[in-house]
Amino acid sequence: MNYEVYGPYLPVIMLITFIALFIWVLLPGHKKKFEDAAKLPFADEEKNH
């Protein structure tokens, strides 16, 4: 199996993957996890002050 077999389907697979990730990120249950992850780079600064 090579690109000639799967090539035409790659854009569709990529689009479905993008849409699935977009929906997963926007689900309300994940908001707290993403906010905590966004604050991680600043965690050391808060400990030093």
PDB file of N, CA and C in Angstrom:
ATOM      1  N   MET A   1       0.840  -1.179   0.000  1.00  0.00           N
ATOM      2  CA  MET A   1       0.000   0.000   0.000  1.00  0.00           C
ATOM      3  C   MET A   1       0.888   1.247   0.000  1.00  0.00           C
ATOM      4  N   ASN A   2       0.570   2.171  -0.834  1.00  0.00           N
ATOM      5  CA  ASN A   2       1.371   3.376  -0.940  1.00  0.00           C
ATOM      6  C   ASN A   2       0.478   4.606  -1.072  1.00  0.00           C
ATOM      7  N   TYR A   3       1.096   5.704  -1.398  1.00  0.00           N
ATOM      8  CA  TYR A   3       0.367   6.965  -1.487  1.00  0.00           C
ATOM      9  C   TYR A   3      -0.743   6.924  -2.531  1.00  0.00           C
ATOM     10  N   GLU A   4      -0.541   6.190  -3.593  1.00  0.00           N
ATOM     11  CA  GLU A   4      -1.554   6.122  -4.650  1.00  0.00           C
ATOM     12  C   GLU A   4      -2.856   5.506  -4.144  1.00  0.00           C
ATOM     13  N   VAL A   5      -2.757   4.636  -3.157  1.00  0.00           N
ATOM     14  CA  VAL A   5      -3.953   3.990  -2.604  1.00  0.00           C
ATOM     15  C   VAL A   5      -4.627   4.884  -1.577  1.00  0.00           C
ATOM     16  N   TYR A   6      -3.832   5.430  -0.634  1.00  0.00           N
ATOM     17  CA  TYR A   6      -4.395   6.218   0.465  1.00  0.00           C
ATOM     18  C   TYR A   6      -4.376   7.723   0.216  1.00  0.00           C
ATOM     19  N   GLY A   7      -3.658   8.162  -0.773  1.00  0.00           N
ATOM     20  CA  GLY A   7      -3.503   9.588  -1.035  1.00  0.00           C
ATOM     21  C   GLY A   7      -4.794  10.376  -1.129  1.00  0.00           C
ATOM     22  N   PRO A   8      -5.765   9.897  -1.894  1.00  0.00           N
ATOM     23  CA  PRO A   8      -7.010  10.677  -2.007  1.00  0.00           C
ATOM     24  C   PRO A   8      -7.793  10.790  -0.699  1.00  0.00           C
ATOM     25  N   TYR A   9      -7.554   9.901   0.234  1.00  0.00           N
ATOM     26  CA  TYR A   9      -8.301   9.920   1.485  1.00  0.00           C
ATOM     27  C   TYR A   9      -7.621  10.733   2.582  1.00  0.00           C
ATOM     28  N   LEU A  10      -6.374  11.084   2.406  1.00  0.00           N
ATOM     29  CA  LEU A  10      -5.647  11.824   3.440  1.00  0.00           C
ATOM     30  C   LEU A  10      -6.281  13.166   3.796  1.00  0.00           C
ATOM     31  N   PRO A  11      -6.708  13.981   2.846  1.00  0.00           N
ATOM     32  CA  PRO A  11      -7.351  15.248   3.241  1.00  0.00           C
ATOM     33  C   PRO A  11      -8.626  15.035   4.061  1.00  0.00           C
ATOM     34  N   VAL A  12      -9.384  14.011   3.722  1.00  0.00           N
ATOM     35  CA  VAL A  12     -10.608  13.725   4.472  1.00  0.00           C
ATOM     36  C   VAL A  12     -10.258  13.277   5.893  1.00  0.00           C
ATOM     37  N   ILE A  13      -9.264  12.423   6.028  1.00  0.00           N
ATOM     38  CA  ILE A  13      -8.837  11.960   7.351  1.00  0.00           C
ATOM     39  C   ILE A  13      -8.310  13.132   8.176  1.00  0.00           C
ATOM     40  N   MET A  14      -7.538  14.009   7.556  1.00  0.00           N
ATOM     41  CA  MET A  14      -7.009  15.170   8.267  1.00  0.00           C
ATOM     42  C   MET A  14      -8.123  16.114   8.702  1.00  0.00           C
ATOM     43  N   LEU A  15      -9.119  16.315   7.862  1.00  0.00           N
ATOM     44  CA  LEU A  15     -10.243  17.184   8.201  1.00  0.00           C
ATOM     45  C   LEU A  15     -11.040  16.598   9.366  1.00  0.00           C
ATOM     46  N   ILE A  16     -11.308  15.312   9.328  1.00  0.00           N
ATOM     47  CA  ILE A  16     -12.046  14.662  10.414  1.00  0.00           C
ATOM     48  C   ILE A  16     -11.262  14.756  11.720  1.00  0.00           C
ATOM     49  N   THR A  17      -9.958  14.553  11.648  1.00  0.00           N
ATOM     50  CA  THR A  17      -9.119  14.659  12.834  1.00  0.00           C
ATOM     51  C   THR A  17      -9.145  16.073  13.395  1.00  0.00           C
ATOM     52  N   PHE A  18      -9.038  17.077  12.530  1.00  0.00           N
ATOM     53  CA  PHE A  18      -9.075  18.469  12.969  1.00  0.00           C
ATOM     54  C   PHE A  18     -10.405  18.795  13.641  1.00  0.00           C
ATOM     55  N   ILE A  19     -11.498  18.380  13.054  1.00  0.00           N
ATOM     56  CA  ILE A  19     -12.818  18.661  13.618  1.00  0.00           C
ATOM     57  C   ILE A  19     -12.981  17.959  14.963  1.00  0.00           C
ATOM     58  N   ALA A  20     -12.512  16.709  15.055  1.00  0.00           N
ATOM     59  CA  ALA A  20     -12.619  15.969  16.314  1.00  0.00           C
ATOM     60  C   ALA A  20     -11.807  16.649  17.412  1.00  0.00           C
ATOM     61  N   LEU A  21     -10.594  17.085  17.100  1.00  0.00           N
ATOM     62  CA  LEU A  21      -9.777  17.782  18.097  1.00  0.00           C
ATOM     63  C   LEU A  21     -10.402  19.114  18.491  1.00  0.00           C
ATOM     64  N   PHE A  22     -10.953  19.815  17.527  1.00  0.00           N
ATOM     65  CA  PHE A  22     -11.596  21.098  17.797  1.00  0.00           C
ATOM     66  C   PHE A  22     -12.769  20.909  18.751  1.00  0.00           C
ATOM     67  N   ILE A  23     -13.587  19.897  18.521  1.00  0.00           N
ATOM     68  CA  ILE A  23     -14.730  19.621  19.399  1.00  0.00           C
ATOM     69  C   ILE A  23     -14.241  19.201  20.779  1.00  0.00           C
ATOM     70  N   TRP A  24     -13.196  18.356  20.829  1.00  0.00           N
ATOM     71  CA  TRP A  24     -12.665  17.879  22.107  1.00  0.00           C
ATOM     72  C   TRP A  24     -12.160  19.041  22.960  1.00  0.00           C
ATOM     73  N   VAL A  25     -11.507  20.000  22.328  1.00  0.00           N
ATOM     74  CA  VAL A  25     -10.975  21.152  23.056  1.00  0.00           C
ATOM     75  C   VAL A  25     -12.107  22.027  23.588  1.00  0.00           C
ATOM     76  N   LEU A  26     -13.182  22.136  22.859  1.00  0.00           N
ATOM     77  CA  LEU A  26     -14.265  23.024  23.265  1.00  0.00           C
ATOM     78  C   LEU A  26     -15.256  22.399  24.246  1.00  0.00           C
ATOM     79  N   LEU A  27     -15.109  21.116  24.570  1.00  0.00           N
ATOM     80  CA  LEU A  27     -16.026  20.507  25.531  1.00  0.00           C
ATOM     81  C   LEU A  27     -15.850  21.174  26.894  1.00  0.00           C
ATOM     82  N   PRO A  28     -16.950  21.479  27.566  1.00  0.00           N
ATOM     83  CA  PRO A  28     -16.863  22.198  28.838  1.00  0.00           C
ATOM     84  C   PRO A  28     -16.091  21.453  29.921  1.00  0.00           C
ATOM     85  N   GLY A  29     -16.091  20.148  29.921  1.00  0.00           N
ATOM     86  CA  GLY A  29     -15.422  19.376  30.962  1.00  0.00           C
ATOM     87  C   GLY A  29     -13.913  19.503  30.950  1.00  0.00           C
ATOM     88  N   HIS A  30     -13.336  19.941  29.843  1.00  0.00           N
ATOM     89  CA  HIS A  30     -11.890  20.039  29.715  1.00  0.00           C
ATOM     90  C   HIS A  30     -11.348  21.425  30.051  1.00  0.00           C
ATOM     91  N   LYS A  31     -12.223  22.362  30.334  1.00  0.00           N
ATOM     92  CA  LYS A  31     -11.799  23.746  30.533  1.00  0.00           C
ATOM     93  C   LYS A  31     -10.823  23.888  31.707  1.00  0.00           C
ATOM     94  N   LYS A  32     -11.116  23.273  32.838  1.00  0.00           N
ATOM     95  CA  LYS A  32     -10.248  23.393  34.012  1.00  0.00           C
ATOM     96  C   LYS A  32      -8.867  22.801  33.735  1.00  0.00           C
ATOM     97  N   LYS A  33      -8.815  21.667  33.058  1.00  0.00           N
ATOM     98  CA  LYS A  33      -7.524  21.045  32.741  1.00  0.00           C
ATOM     99  C   LYS A  33      -6.679  21.965  31.863  1.00  0.00           C
ATOM    100  N   PHE A  34      -7.300  22.581  30.869  1.00  0.00           N
ATOM    101  CA  PHE A  34      -6.564  23.471  29.973  1.00  0.00           C
ATOM    102  C   PHE A  34      -6.130  24.745  30.677  1.00  0.00           C
ATOM    103  N   GLU A  35      -6.950  25.265  31.584  1.00  0.00           N
ATOM    104  CA  GLU A  35      -6.559  26.450  32.336  1.00  0.00           C
ATOM    105  C   GLU A  35      -5.379  26.138  33.252  1.00  0.00           C
ATOM    106  N   ASP A  36      -5.395  24.978  33.891  1.00  0.00           N
ATOM    107  CA  ASP A  36      -4.273  24.579  34.746  1.00  0.00           C
ATOM    108  C   ASP A  36      -3.002  24.400  33.925  1.00  0.00           C
ATOM    109  N   ALA A  37      -3.119  23.803  32.760  1.00  0.00           N
ATOM    110  CA  ALA A  37      -1.955  23.600  31.896  1.00  0.00           C
ATOM    111  C   ALA A  37      -1.413  24.943  31.398  1.00  0.00           C
ATOM    112  N   ALA A  38      -2.289  25.900  31.166  1.00  0.00           N
ATOM    113  CA  ALA A  38      -1.850  27.210  30.688  1.00  0.00           C
ATOM    114  C   ALA A  38      -1.076  27.969  31.761  1.00  0.00           C
ATOM    115  N   LYS A  39      -1.335  27.675  33.017  1.00  0.00           N
ATOM    116  CA  LYS A  39      -0.664  28.368  34.115  1.00  0.00           C
ATOM    117  C   LYS A  39       0.654  27.704  34.509  1.00  0.00           C
ATOM    118  N   LEU A  40       0.948  26.522  34.001  1.00  0.00           N
ATOM    119  CA  LEU A  40       2.172  25.806  34.387  1.00  0.00           C
ATOM    120  C   LEU A  40       3.461  26.585  34.151  1.00  0.00           C
ATOM    121  N   PRO A  41       3.628  27.293  33.046  1.00  0.00           N
ATOM    122  CA  PRO A  41       4.890  28.024  32.862  1.00  0.00           C
ATOM    123  C   PRO A  41       5.139  29.084  33.931  1.00  0.00           C
ATOM    124  N   PHE A  42       4.108  29.552  34.574  1.00  0.00           N
ATOM    125  CA  PHE A  42       4.243  30.602  35.571  1.00  0.00           C
ATOM    126  C   PHE A  42       4.261  30.061  36.995  1.00  0.00           C
ATOM    127  N   ALA A  43       4.209  28.760  37.178  1.00  0.00           N
ATOM    128  CA  ALA A  43       4.153  28.165  38.510  1.00  0.00           C
ATOM    129  C   ALA A  43       5.418  28.465  39.302  1.00  0.00           C
ATOM    130  N   ASP A  44       6.583  28.431  38.667  1.00  0.00           N
ATOM    131  CA  ASP A  44       7.831  28.709  39.381  1.00  0.00           C
ATOM    132  C   ASP A  44       7.915  30.162  39.825  1.00  0.00           C
ATOM    133  N   GLU A  45       7.394  31.069  39.033  1.00  0.00           N
ATOM    134  CA  GLU A  45       7.447  32.487  39.376  1.00  0.00           C
ATOM    135  C   GLU A  45       6.630  32.762  40.645  1.00  0.00           C
ATOM    136  N   GLU A  46       5.499  32.085  40.791  1.00  0.00           N
ATOM    137  CA  GLU A  46       4.670  32.306  41.966  1.00  0.00           C
ATOM    138  C   GLU A  46       5.347  31.757  43.220  1.00  0.00           C
ATOM    139  N   LYS A  47       6.097  30.682  43.100  1.00  0.00           N
ATOM    140  CA  LYS A  47       6.780  30.092  44.254  1.00  0.00           C
ATOM    141  C   LYS A  47       7.935  30.965  44.714  1.00  0.00           C
ATOM    142  N   ASN A  48       8.601  31.670  43.781  1.00  0.00           N
ATOM    143  CA  ASN A  48       9.763  32.490  44.116  1.00  0.00           C
ATOM    144  C   ASN A  48       9.394  33.798  44.800  1.00  0.00           C
ATOM    145  N   HIS A  49       8.166  34.255  44.671  1.00  0.00           N
ATOM    146  CA  HIS A  49       7.790  35.547  45.242  1.00  0.00           C
ATOM    147  C   HIS A  49       7.201  35.392  46.592  1.00  0.00           C
TER     148      HIS A  49
END
